[in-house]
Amino acid sequence: MEARRDVYQAIADPTRRAIINMIATQPQNVNAIAEKFDVTRQAISLHIKILNDCGLLAVKKQGRDRVCEARLEQLSEVSAFVDQYRQHWESKLDSLEKYLAKLKQERHGEQH
């Protein structure tokens, strides 16, 4: 059995991120998606397969059409990962801000 693709790998590609953005608010036909890109239909199909494999979208048949629907729950994993580093950097920036304020205060005190 093939391992499920990694969500990070999927969103690393700008075309796949653009596809996610296109379908995030409304499901779209595969052909409609393909028309928006200056690459082959086959290339778009591969991108859609990768997004489907990692669970970021689902492809449903509606008559003769294949419609892509966003499944963005998987992005919560990415969000949680990024958030832990956002908190780290916010804390570093807060420390820097306090240090700079202290330096400014010390310099201001020296001038008088």
PDB file of N, CA and C in Angstrom:
ATOM      1  N   MET A   1       0.828  -1.188   0.000  1.00  0.00           N
ATOM      2  CA  MET A   1       0.000   0.000   0.000  1.00  0.00           C
ATOM      3  C   MET A   1       0.873   1.254   0.000  1.00  0.00           C
ATOM      4  N   GLU A   2       0.519   2.220  -0.861  1.00  0.00           N
ATOM      5  CA  GLU A   2       1.287   3.461  -0.953  1.00  0.00           C
ATOM      6  C   GLU A   2       0.970   4.354   0.236  1.00  0.00           C
ATOM      7  N   ALA A   3       2.002   4.983   0.801  1.00  0.00           N
ATOM      8  CA  ALA A   3       1.785   5.882   1.936  1.00  0.00           C
ATOM      9  C   ALA A   3       1.008   7.114   1.475  1.00  0.00           C
ATOM     10  N   ARG A   4       0.178   7.612   2.376  1.00  0.00           N
ATOM     11  CA  ARG A   4      -0.546   8.845   2.056  1.00  0.00           C
ATOM     12  C   ARG A   4       0.443   9.974   1.874  1.00  0.00           C
ATOM     13  N   ARG A   5       0.135  10.822   0.930  1.00  0.00           N
ATOM     14  CA  ARG A   5       1.013  11.967   0.704  1.00  0.00           C
ATOM     15  C   ARG A   5       0.932  12.933   1.886  1.00  0.00           C
ATOM     16  N   ASP A   6       1.988  13.664   2.068  1.00  0.00           N
ATOM     17  CA  ASP A   6       2.116  14.619   3.156  1.00  0.00           C
ATOM     18  C   ASP A   6       1.443  15.935   2.765  1.00  0.00           C
ATOM     19  N   VAL A   7       0.658  16.497   3.677  1.00  0.00           N
ATOM     20  CA  VAL A   7      -0.049  17.742   3.405  1.00  0.00           C
ATOM     21  C   VAL A   7       0.947  18.886   3.155  1.00  0.00           C
ATOM     22  N   TYR A   8       2.093  18.850   3.813  1.00  0.00           N
ATOM     23  CA  TYR A   8       3.114  19.887   3.628  1.00  0.00           C
ATOM     24  C   TYR A   8       3.666  19.828   2.203  1.00  0.00           C
ATOM     25  N   GLN A   9       3.891  18.633   1.714  1.00  0.00           N
ATOM     26  CA  GLN A   9       4.366  18.433   0.343  1.00  0.00           C
ATOM     27  C   GLN A   9       3.326  18.996  -0.630  1.00  0.00           C
ATOM     28  N   ALA A  10       2.060  18.752  -0.339  1.00  0.00           N
ATOM     29  CA  ALA A  10       0.994  19.197  -1.231  1.00  0.00           C
ATOM     30  C   ALA A  10       0.919  20.712  -1.320  1.00  0.00           C
ATOM     31  N   ILE A  11       1.017  21.401  -0.185  1.00  0.00           N
ATOM     32  CA  ILE A  11       0.866  22.855  -0.216  1.00  0.00           C
ATOM     33  C   ILE A  11       2.170  23.582  -0.565  1.00  0.00           C
ATOM     34  N   ALA A  12       3.260  22.831  -0.716  1.00  0.00           N
ATOM     35  CA  ALA A  12       4.532  23.453  -1.098  1.00  0.00           C
ATOM     36  C   ALA A  12       4.493  23.997  -2.531  1.00  0.00           C
ATOM     37  N   ASP A  13       3.620  23.446  -3.360  1.00  0.00           N
ATOM     38  CA  ASP A  13       3.562  23.833  -4.769  1.00  0.00           C
ATOM     39  C   ASP A  13       2.568  24.983  -4.977  1.00  0.00           C
ATOM     40  N   PRO A  14       2.995  26.072  -5.656  1.00  0.00           N
ATOM     41  CA  PRO A  14       2.110  27.221  -5.858  1.00  0.00           C
ATOM     42  C   PRO A  14       0.857  26.900  -6.684  1.00  0.00           C
ATOM     43  N   THR A  15       0.956  25.989  -7.631  1.00  0.00           N
ATOM     44  CA  THR A  15      -0.220  25.617  -8.430  1.00  0.00           C
ATOM     45  C   THR A  15      -1.241  24.917  -7.549  1.00  0.00           C
ATOM     46  N   ARG A  16      -0.772  24.035  -6.680  1.00  0.00           N
ATOM     47  CA  ARG A  16      -1.700  23.333  -5.787  1.00  0.00           C
ATOM     48  C   ARG A  16      -2.334  24.308  -4.794  1.00  0.00           C
ATOM     49  N   ARG A  17      -1.552  25.276  -4.309  1.00  0.00           N
ATOM     50  CA  ARG A  17      -2.138  26.286  -3.408  1.00  0.00           C
ATOM     51  C   ARG A  17      -3.199  27.095  -4.154  1.00  0.00           C
ATOM     52  N   ALA A  18      -2.942  27.409  -5.420  1.00  0.00           N
ATOM     53  CA  ALA A  18      -3.916  28.159  -6.226  1.00  0.00           C
ATOM     54  C   ALA A  18      -5.194  27.342  -6.422  1.00  0.00           C
ATOM     55  N   ILE A  19      -5.046  26.041  -6.656  1.00  0.00           N
ATOM     56  CA  ILE A  19      -6.218  25.168  -6.805  1.00  0.00           C
ATOM     57  C   ILE A  19      -7.028  25.165  -5.508  1.00  0.00           C
ATOM     58  N   ILE A  20      -6.344  25.043  -4.374  1.00  0.00           N
ATOM     59  CA  ILE A  20      -7.033  25.067  -3.076  1.00  0.00           C
ATOM     60  C   ILE A  20      -7.804  26.377  -2.929  1.00  0.00           C
ATOM     61  N   ASN A  21      -7.165  27.495  -3.268  1.00  0.00           N
ATOM     62  CA  ASN A  21      -7.836  28.793  -3.171  1.00  0.00           C
ATOM     63  C   ASN A  21      -9.075  28.845  -4.060  1.00  0.00           C
ATOM     64  N   MET A  22      -8.983  28.253  -5.244  1.00  0.00           N
ATOM     65  CA  MET A  22     -10.108  28.269  -6.184  1.00  0.00           C
ATOM     66  C   MET A  22     -11.318  27.504  -5.650  1.00  0.00           C
ATOM     67  N   ILE A  23     -11.072  26.404  -4.983  1.00  0.00           N
ATOM     68  CA  ILE A  23     -12.189  25.545  -4.550  1.00  0.00           C
ATOM     69  C   ILE A  23     -12.556  25.731  -3.083  1.00  0.00           C
ATOM     70  N   ALA A  24     -11.826  26.586  -2.370  1.00  0.00           N
ATOM     71  CA  ALA A  24     -12.059  26.752  -0.927  1.00  0.00           C
ATOM     72  C   ALA A  24     -13.472  27.224  -0.629  1.00  0.00           C
ATOM     73  N   THR A  25     -14.024  28.092  -1.470  1.00  0.00           N
ATOM     74  CA  THR A  25     -15.353  28.635  -1.192  1.00  0.00           C
ATOM     75  C   THR A  25     -16.454  27.928  -1.972  1.00  0.00           C
ATOM     76  N   GLN A  26     -16.067  27.294  -3.093  1.00  0.00           N
ATOM     77  CA  GLN A  26     -17.085  26.655  -3.936  1.00  0.00           C
ATOM     78  C   GLN A  26     -16.461  25.531  -4.753  1.00  0.00           C
ATOM     79  N   PRO A  27     -17.079  24.358  -4.745  1.00  0.00           N
ATOM     80  CA  PRO A  27     -16.567  23.249  -5.567  1.00  0.00           C
ATOM     81  C   PRO A  27     -16.507  23.658  -7.037  1.00  0.00           C
ATOM     82  N   GLN A  28     -15.508  23.097  -7.746  1.00  0.00           N
ATOM     83  CA  GLN A  28     -15.347  23.440  -9.160  1.00  0.00           C
ATOM     84  C   GLN A  28     -15.090  22.194  -9.989  1.00  0.00           C
ATOM     85  N   ASN A  29     -15.545  22.256 -11.200  1.00  0.00           N
ATOM     86  CA  ASN A  29     -15.323  21.228 -12.200  1.00  0.00           C
ATOM     87  C   ASN A  29     -13.831  21.169 -12.539  1.00  0.00           C
ATOM     88  N   VAL A  30     -13.305  19.970 -12.718  1.00  0.00           N
ATOM     89  CA  VAL A  30     -11.883  19.792 -13.046  1.00  0.00           C
ATOM     90  C   VAL A  30     -11.520  20.588 -14.300  1.00  0.00           C
ATOM     91  N   ASN A  31     -12.381  20.576 -15.314  1.00  0.00           N
ATOM     92  CA  ASN A  31     -12.086  21.323 -16.551  1.00  0.00           C
ATOM     93  C   ASN A  31     -12.016  22.821 -16.300  1.00  0.00           C
ATOM     94  N   ALA A  32     -12.900  23.335 -15.461  1.00  0.00           N
ATOM     95  CA  ALA A  32     -12.891  24.764 -15.132  1.00  0.00           C
ATOM     96  C   ALA A  32     -11.592  25.136 -14.414  1.00  0.00           C
ATOM     97  N   ILE A  33     -11.129  24.248 -13.561  1.00  0.00           N
ATOM     98  CA  ILE A  33      -9.856  24.482 -12.861  1.00  0.00           C
ATOM     99  C   ILE A  33      -8.720  24.492 -13.876  1.00  0.00           C
ATOM    100  N   ALA A  34      -8.683  23.495 -14.735  1.00  0.00           N
ATOM    101  CA  ALA A  34      -7.601  23.362 -15.721  1.00  0.00           C
ATOM    102  C   ALA A  34      -7.516  24.576 -16.638  1.00  0.00           C
ATOM    103  N   GLU A  35      -8.663  25.159 -16.977  1.00  0.00           N
ATOM    104  CA  GLU A  35      -8.678  26.317 -17.881  1.00  0.00           C
ATOM    105  C   GLU A  35      -7.980  27.536 -17.292  1.00  0.00           C
ATOM    106  N   LYS A  36      -7.880  27.600 -15.979  1.00  0.00           N
ATOM    107  CA  LYS A  36      -7.286  28.766 -15.308  1.00  0.00           C
ATOM    108  C   LYS A  36      -5.754  28.742 -15.299  1.00  0.00           C
ATOM    109  N   PHE A  37      -5.179  27.628 -15.725  1.00  0.00           N
ATOM    110  CA  PHE A  37      -3.720  27.486 -15.647  1.00  0.00           C
ATOM    111  C   PHE A  37      -3.110  27.296 -17.028  1.00  0.00           C
ATOM    112  N   ASP A  38      -1.907  27.792 -17.163  1.00  0.00           N
ATOM    113  CA  ASP A  38      -1.195  27.684 -18.432  1.00  0.00           C
ATOM    114  C   ASP A  38      -0.286  26.446 -18.414  1.00  0.00           C
ATOM    115  N   VAL A  39      -0.872  25.325 -18.045  1.00  0.00           N
ATOM    116  CA  VAL A  39      -0.157  24.045 -18.068  1.00  0.00           C
ATOM    117  C   VAL A  39      -1.100  23.009 -18.674  1.00  0.00           C
ATOM    118  N   THR A  40      -0.592  21.841 -18.939  1.00  0.00           N
ATOM    119  CA  THR A  40      -1.428  20.818 -19.574  1.00  0.00           C
ATOM    120  C   THR A  40      -2.516  20.327 -18.620  1.00  0.00           C
ATOM    121  N   ARG A  41      -3.556  19.809 -19.201  1.00  0.00           N
ATOM    122  CA  ARG A  41      -4.664  19.215 -18.438  1.00  0.00           C
ATOM    123  C   ARG A  41      -4.124  18.052 -17.603  1.00  0.00           C
ATOM    124  N   GLN A  42      -3.158  17.343 -18.170  1.00  0.00           N
ATOM    125  CA  GLN A  42      -2.537  16.208 -17.472  1.00  0.00           C
ATOM    126  C   GLN A  42      -1.806  16.684 -16.213  1.00  0.00           C
ATOM    127  N   ALA A  43      -1.127  17.835 -16.327  1.00  0.00           N
ATOM    128  CA  ALA A  43      -0.405  18.379 -15.163  1.00  0.00           C
ATOM    129  C   ALA A  43      -1.389  18.752 -14.057  1.00  0.00           C
ATOM    130  N   ILE A  44      -2.513  19.373 -14.431  1.00  0.00           N
ATOM    131  CA  ILE A  44      -3.532  19.739 -13.441  1.00  0.00           C
ATOM    132  C   ILE A  44      -4.121  18.482 -12.810  1.00  0.00           C
ATOM    133  N   SER A  45      -4.356  17.459 -13.618  1.00  0.00           N
ATOM    134  CA  SER A  45      -4.882  16.195 -13.080  1.00  0.00           C
ATOM    135  C   SER A  45      -3.930  15.607 -12.040  1.00  0.00           C
ATOM    136  N   LEU A  46      -2.632  15.722 -12.282  1.00  0.00           N
ATOM    137  CA  LEU A  46      -1.646  15.226 -11.323  1.00  0.00           C
ATOM    138  C   LEU A  46      -1.708  16.041 -10.023  1.00  0.00           C
ATOM    139  N   HIS A  47      -1.799  17.368 -10.152  1.00  0.00           N
ATOM    140  CA  HIS A  47      -1.911  18.215  -8.962  1.00  0.00           C
ATOM    141  C   HIS A  47      -3.165  17.845  -8.164  1.00  0.00           C
ATOM    142  N   ILE A  48      -4.268  17.637  -8.862  1.00  0.00           N
ATOM    143  CA  ILE A  48      -5.524  17.266  -8.200  1.00  0.00           C
ATOM    144  C   ILE A  48      -5.391  15.913  -7.519  1.00  0.00           C
ATOM    145  N   LYS A  49      -4.700  14.990  -8.160  1.00  0.00           N
ATOM    146  CA  LYS A  49      -4.476  13.662  -7.554  1.00  0.00           C
ATOM    147  C   LYS A  49      -3.677  13.794  -6.255  1.00  0.00           C
ATOM    148  N   ILE A  50      -2.649  14.620  -6.280  1.00  0.00           N
ATOM    149  CA  ILE A  50      -1.814  14.811  -5.078  1.00  0.00           C
ATOM    150  C   ILE A  50      -2.656  15.422  -3.953  1.00  0.00           C
ATOM    151  N   LEU A  51      -3.454  16.443  -4.290  1.00  0.00           N
ATOM    152  CA  LEU A  51      -4.313  17.070  -3.284  1.00  0.00           C
ATOM    153  C   LEU A  51      -5.350  16.081  -2.745  1.00  0.00           C
ATOM    154  N   ASN A  52      -5.845  15.235  -3.625  1.00  0.00           N
ATOM    155  CA  ASN A  52      -6.807  14.209  -3.229  1.00  0.00           C
ATOM    156  C   ASN A  52      -6.133  13.160  -2.334  1.00  0.00           C
ATOM    157  N   ASP A  53      -4.929  12.736  -2.718  1.00  0.00           N
ATOM    158  CA  ASP A  53      -4.193  11.721  -1.948  1.00  0.00           C
ATOM    159  C   ASP A  53      -3.912  12.156  -0.515  1.00  0.00           C
ATOM    160  N   CYS A  54      -3.690  13.459  -0.306  1.00  0.00           N
ATOM    161  CA  CYS A  54      -3.391  13.901   1.059  1.00  0.00           C
ATOM    162  C   CYS A  54      -4.641  14.407   1.768  1.00  0.00           C
ATOM    163  N   GLY A  55      -5.791  14.317   1.122  1.00  0.00           N
ATOM    164  CA  GLY A  55      -7.049  14.641   1.784  1.00  0.00           C
ATOM    165  C   GLY A  55      -7.448  16.103   1.766  1.00  0.00           C
ATOM    166  N   LEU A  56      -6.781  16.939   0.936  1.00  0.00           N
ATOM    167  CA  LEU A  56      -7.136  18.351   0.886  1.00  0.00           C
ATOM    168  C   LEU A  56      -8.303  18.648  -0.045  1.00  0.00           C
ATOM    169  N   LEU A  57      -8.636  17.670  -0.873  1.00  0.00           N
ATOM    170  CA  LEU A  57      -9.828  17.810  -1.698  1.00  0.00           C
ATOM    171  C   LEU A  57     -10.409  16.443  -1.986  1.00  0.00           C
ATOM    172  N   ALA A  58     -11.666  16.462  -2.370  1.00  0.00           N
ATOM    173  CA  ALA A  58     -12.351  15.238  -2.778  1.00  0.00           C
ATOM    174  C   ALA A  58     -12.868  15.469  -4.192  1.00  0.00           C
ATOM    175  N   VAL A  59     -12.782  14.430  -5.013  1.00  0.00           N
ATOM    176  CA  VAL A  59     -13.298  14.514  -6.382  1.00  0.00           C
ATOM    177  C   VAL A  59     -14.565  13.679  -6.433  1.00  0.00           C
ATOM    178  N   LYS A  60     -15.643  14.319  -6.835  1.00  0.00           N
ATOM    179  CA  LYS A  60     -16.934  13.628  -6.922  1.00  0.00           C
ATOM    180  C   LYS A  60     -17.438  13.678  -8.354  1.00  0.00           C
ATOM    181  N   LYS A  61     -18.018  12.569  -8.784  1.00  0.00           N
ATOM    182  CA  LYS A  61     -18.618  12.534 -10.118  1.00  0.00           C
ATOM    183  C   LYS A  61     -20.025  13.103 -10.043  1.00  0.00           C
ATOM    184  N   GLN A  62     -20.293  14.048 -10.927  1.00  0.00           N
ATOM    185  CA  GLN A  62     -21.642  14.603 -11.063  1.00  0.00           C
ATOM    186  C   GLN A  62     -21.992  14.496 -12.542  1.00  0.00           C
ATOM    187  N   GLY A  63     -22.736  13.468 -12.874  1.00  0.00           N
ATOM    188  CA  GLY A  63     -23.005  13.189 -14.290  1.00  0.00           C
ATOM    189  C   GLY A  63     -21.698  12.820 -14.964  1.00  0.00           C
ATOM    190  N   ARG A  64     -21.364  13.542 -16.016  1.00  0.00           N
ATOM    191  CA  ARG A  64     -20.099  13.290 -16.724  1.00  0.00           C
ATOM    192  C   ARG A  64     -18.948  14.111 -16.173  1.00  0.00           C
ATOM    193  N   ASP A  65     -19.272  15.025 -15.280  1.00  0.00           N
ATOM    194  CA  ASP A  65     -18.251  15.916 -14.732  1.00  0.00           C
ATOM    195  C   ASP A  65     -17.600  15.335 -13.486  1.00  0.00           C
ATOM    196  N   ARG A  66     -16.360  15.768 -13.280  1.00  0.00           N
ATOM    197  CA  ARG A  66     -15.668  15.479 -12.025  1.00  0.00           C
ATOM    198  C   ARG A  66     -15.513  16.816 -11.318  1.00  0.00           C
ATOM    199  N   VAL A  67     -16.043  16.896 -10.109  1.00  0.00           N
ATOM    200  CA  VAL A  67     -16.046  18.149  -9.363  1.00  0.00           C
ATOM    201  C   VAL A  67     -15.128  18.020  -8.144  1.00  0.00           C
ATOM    202  N   CYS A  68     -14.294  19.044  -7.959  1.00  0.00           N
ATOM    203  CA  CYS A  68     -13.366  19.066  -6.824  1.00  0.00           C
ATOM    204  C   CYS A  68     -13.960  19.906  -5.707  1.00  0.00           C
ATOM    205  N   GLU A  69     -13.943  19.323  -4.523  1.00  0.00           N
ATOM    206  CA  GLU A  69     -14.487  19.977  -3.343  1.00  0.00           C
ATOM    207  C   GLU A  69     -13.387  20.049  -2.282  1.00  0.00           C
ATOM    208  N   ALA A  70     -13.226  21.204  -1.665  1.00  0.00           N
ATOM    209  CA  ALA A  70     -12.178  21.395  -0.656  1.00  0.00           C
ATOM    210  C   ALA A  70     -12.462  20.583   0.596  1.00  0.00           C
ATOM    211  N   ARG A  71     -11.422  20.034   1.174  1.00  0.00           N
ATOM    212  CA  ARG A  71     -11.455  19.345   2.468  1.00  0.00           C
ATOM    213  C   ARG A  71     -10.302  19.942   3.282  1.00  0.00           C
ATOM    214  N   LEU A  72     -10.552  21.103   3.839  1.00  0.00           N
ATOM    215  CA  LEU A  72      -9.454  21.882   4.412  1.00  0.00           C
ATOM    216  C   LEU A  72      -9.114  21.534   5.855  1.00  0.00           C
ATOM    217  N   GLU A  73      -9.810  20.539   6.425  1.00  0.00           N
ATOM    218  CA  GLU A  73      -9.536  20.151   7.814  1.00  0.00           C
ATOM    219  C   GLU A  73      -8.064  19.787   8.006  1.00  0.00           C
ATOM    220  N   GLN A  74      -7.465  19.195   6.988  1.00  0.00           N
ATOM    221  CA  GLN A  74      -6.060  18.770   7.084  1.00  0.00           C
ATOM    222  C   GLN A  74      -5.132  19.960   7.332  1.00  0.00           C
ATOM    223  N   LEU A  75      -5.558  21.156   6.919  1.00  0.00           N
ATOM    224  CA  LEU A  75      -4.702  22.325   7.095  1.00  0.00           C
ATOM    225  C   LEU A  75      -4.577  22.730   8.557  1.00  0.00           C
ATOM    226  N   SER A  76      -5.453  22.224   9.419  1.00  0.00           N
ATOM    227  CA  SER A  76      -5.345  22.557  10.843  1.00  0.00           C
ATOM    228  C   SER A  76      -4.016  22.044  11.406  1.00  0.00           C
ATOM    229  N   GLU A  77      -3.535  20.926  10.869  1.00  0.00           N
ATOM    230  CA  GLU A  77      -2.223  20.394  11.279  1.00  0.00           C
ATOM    231  C   GLU A  77      -1.122  21.392  10.938  1.00  0.00           C
ATOM    232  N   VAL A  78      -1.191  21.964   9.749  1.00  0.00           N
ATOM    233  CA  VAL A  78      -0.194  22.951   9.310  1.00  0.00           C
ATOM    234  C   VAL A  78      -0.311  24.205  10.169  1.00  0.00           C
ATOM    235  N   SER A  79      -1.536  24.637  10.417  1.00  0.00           N
ATOM    236  CA  SER A  79      -1.771  25.835  11.219  1.00  0.00           C
ATOM    237  C   SER A  79      -1.195  25.667  12.631  1.00  0.00           C
ATOM    238  N   ALA A  80      -1.417  24.517  13.237  1.00  0.00           N
ATOM    239  CA  ALA A  80      -0.900  24.250  14.585  1.00  0.00           C
ATOM    240  C   ALA A  80       0.625  24.268  14.583  1.00  0.00           C
ATOM    241  N   PHE A  81       1.222  23.702  13.536  1.00  0.00           N
ATOM    242  CA  PHE A  81       2.678  23.672  13.424  1.00  0.00           C
ATOM    243  C   PHE A  81       3.232  25.091  13.320  1.00  0.00           C
ATOM    244  N   VAL A  82       2.613  25.905  12.468  1.00  0.00           N
ATOM    245  CA  VAL A  82       3.072  27.278  12.267  1.00  0.00           C
ATOM    246  C   VAL A  82       2.835  28.111  13.525  1.00  0.00           C
ATOM    247  N   ASP A  83       1.706  27.892  14.204  1.00  0.00           N
ATOM    248  CA  ASP A  83       1.379  28.660  15.400  1.00  0.00           C
ATOM    249  C   ASP A  83       2.430  28.529  16.495  1.00  0.00           C
ATOM    250  N   GLN A  84       2.983  27.333  16.658  1.00  0.00           N
ATOM    251  CA  GLN A  84       3.981  27.172  17.716  1.00  0.00           C
ATOM    252  C   GLN A  84       5.210  28.041  17.439  1.00  0.00           C
ATOM    253  N   TYR A  85       5.546  28.236  16.172  1.00  0.00           N
ATOM    254  CA  TYR A  85       6.689  29.078  15.838  1.00  0.00           C
ATOM    255  C   TYR A  85       6.317  30.553  15.848  1.00  0.00           C
ATOM    256  N   ARG A  86       5.063  30.860  15.547  1.00  0.00           N
ATOM    257  CA  ARG A  86       4.598  32.248  15.636  1.00  0.00           C
ATOM    258  C   ARG A  86       4.731  32.712  17.083  1.00  0.00           C
ATOM    259  N   GLN A  87       4.308  31.870  18.023  1.00  0.00           N
ATOM    260  CA  GLN A  87       4.409  32.222  19.443  1.00  0.00           C
ATOM    261  C   GLN A  87       5.871  32.416  19.839  1.00  0.00           C
ATOM    262  N   HIS A  88       6.744  31.555  19.328  1.00  0.00           N
ATOM    263  CA  HIS A  88       8.174  31.667  19.616  1.00  0.00           C
ATOM    264  C   HIS A  88       8.713  33.022  19.158  1.00  0.00           C
ATOM    265  N   TRP A  89       8.387  33.391  17.906  1.00  0.00           N
ATOM    266  CA  TRP A  89       8.913  34.645  17.353  1.00  0.00           C
ATOM    267  C   TRP A  89       8.262  35.864  17.988  1.00  0.00           C
ATOM    268  N   GLU A  90       6.994  35.773  18.351  1.00  0.00           N
ATOM    269  CA  GLU A  90       6.349  36.887  19.038  1.00  0.00           C
ATOM    270  C   GLU A  90       7.005  37.129  20.381  1.00  0.00           C
ATOM    271  N   SER A  91       7.372  36.055  21.068  1.00  0.00           N
ATOM    272  CA  SER A  91       8.034  36.197  22.349  1.00  0.00           C
ATOM    273  C   SER A  91       9.434  36.812  22.161  1.00  0.00           C
ATOM    274  N   LYS A  92      10.140  36.396  21.120  1.00  0.00           N
ATOM    275  CA  LYS A  92      11.465  36.980  20.835  1.00  0.00           C
ATOM    276  C   LYS A  92      11.331  38.473  20.523  1.00  0.00           C
ATOM    277  N   LEU A  93      10.326  38.825  19.727  1.00  0.00           N
ATOM    278  CA  LEU A  93      10.124  40.231  19.357  1.00  0.00           C
ATOM    279  C   LEU A  93       9.712  41.064  20.572  1.00  0.00           C
ATOM    280  N   ASP A  94       8.905  40.480  21.465  1.00  0.00           N
ATOM    281  CA  ASP A  94       8.532  41.184  22.697  1.00  0.00           C
ATOM    282  C   ASP A  94       9.777  41.469  23.536  1.00  0.00           C
ATOM    283  N   SER A  95      10.670  40.487  23.633  1.00  0.00           N
ATOM    284  CA  SER A  95      11.911  40.668  24.398  1.00  0.00           C
ATOM    285  C   SER A  95      12.770  41.756  23.770  1.00  0.00           C
ATOM    286  N   LEU A  96      12.860  41.750  22.457  1.00  0.00           N
ATOM    287  CA  LEU A  96      13.642  42.764  21.745  1.00  0.00           C
ATOM    288  C   LEU A  96      13.047  44.149  21.987  1.00  0.00           C
ATOM    289  N   GLU A  97      11.738  44.241  21.928  1.00  0.00           N
ATOM    290  CA  GLU A  97      11.054  45.519  22.145  1.00  0.00           C
ATOM    291  C   GLU A  97      11.351  46.053  23.548  1.00  0.00           C
ATOM    292  N   LYS A  98      11.300  45.168  24.557  1.00  0.00           N
ATOM    293  CA  LYS A  98      11.593  45.580  25.934  1.00  0.00           C
ATOM    294  C   LYS A  98      13.047  46.036  26.055  1.00  0.00           C
ATOM    295  N   TYR A  99      13.954  45.301  25.416  1.00  0.00           N
ATOM    296  CA  TYR A  99      15.379  45.636  25.465  1.00  0.00           C
ATOM    297  C   TYR A  99      15.620  47.003  24.830  1.00  0.00           C
ATOM    298  N   LEU A 100      15.001  47.248  23.666  1.00  0.00           N
ATOM    299  CA  LEU A 100      15.183  48.529  22.978  1.00  0.00           C
ATOM    300  C   LEU A 100      14.599  49.678  23.799  1.00  0.00           C
ATOM    301  N   ALA A 101      13.463  49.435  24.448  1.00  0.00           N
ATOM    302  CA  ALA A 101      12.860  50.462  25.309  1.00  0.00           C
ATOM    303  C   ALA A 101      13.784  50.778  26.476  1.00  0.00           C
ATOM    304  N   LYS A 102      14.408  49.729  27.035  1.00  0.00           N
ATOM    305  CA  LYS A 102      15.339  49.909  28.154  1.00  0.00           C
ATOM    306  C   LYS A 102      16.553  50.726  27.695  1.00  0.00           C
ATOM    307  N   LEU A 103      17.097  50.380  26.514  1.00  0.00           N
ATOM    308  CA  LEU A 103      18.247  51.128  25.983  1.00  0.00           C
ATOM    309  C   LEU A 103      17.892  52.595  25.764  1.00  0.00           C
ATOM    310  N   LYS A 104      16.720  52.832  25.201  1.00  0.00           N
ATOM    311  CA  LYS A 104      16.271  54.192  24.930  1.00  0.00           C
ATOM    312  C   LYS A 104      16.155  54.984  26.237  1.00  0.00           C
ATOM    313  N   GLN A 105      15.613  54.303  27.253  1.00  0.00           N
ATOM    314  CA  GLN A 105      15.430  54.941  28.552  1.00  0.00           C
ATOM    315  C   GLN A 105      16.799  55.270  29.158  1.00  0.00           C
ATOM    316  N   GLU A 106      17.763  54.320  29.040  1.00  0.00           N
ATOM    317  CA  GLU A 106      19.117  54.545  29.591  1.00  0.00           C
ATOM    318  C   GLU A 106      19.793  55.693  28.874  1.00  0.00           C
ATOM    319  N   ARG A 107      19.676  55.751  27.551  1.00  0.00           N
ATOM    320  CA  ARG A 107      20.282  56.839  26.770  1.00  0.00           C
ATOM    321  C   ARG A 107      19.642  58.165  27.126  1.00  0.00           C
ATOM    322  N   HIS A 108      18.336  58.154  27.293  1.00  0.00           N
ATOM    323  CA  HIS A 108      17.613  59.362  27.631  1.00  0.00           C
ATOM    324  C   HIS A 108      18.087  59.862  28.996  1.00  0.00           C
ATOM    325  N   GLY A 109      18.331  58.925  29.911  1.00  0.00           N
ATOM    326  CA  GLY A 109      18.811  59.273  31.242  1.00  0.00           C
ATOM    327  C   GLY A 109      20.220  59.851  31.212  1.00  0.00           C
ATOM    328  N   GLU A 110      21.076  59.345  30.301  1.00  0.00           N
ATOM    329  CA  GLU A 110      22.452  59.829  30.178  1.00  0.00           C
ATOM    330  C   GLU A 110      22.523  61.249  29.631  1.00  0.00           C
ATOM    331  N   GLN A 111      21.537  61.613  28.819  1.00  0.00           N
ATOM    332  CA  GLN A 111      21.566  62.938  28.174  1.00  0.00           C
ATOM    333  C   GLN A 111      21.207  64.051  29.138  1.00  0.00           C
ATOM    334  N   HIS A 112      20.606  63.713  30.279  1.00  0.00           N
ATOM    335  CA  HIS A 112      20.219  64.762  31.231  1.00  0.00           C
ATOM    336  C   HIS A 112      21.217  64.915  32.313  1.00  0.00           C
TER     337      HIS A 112
END
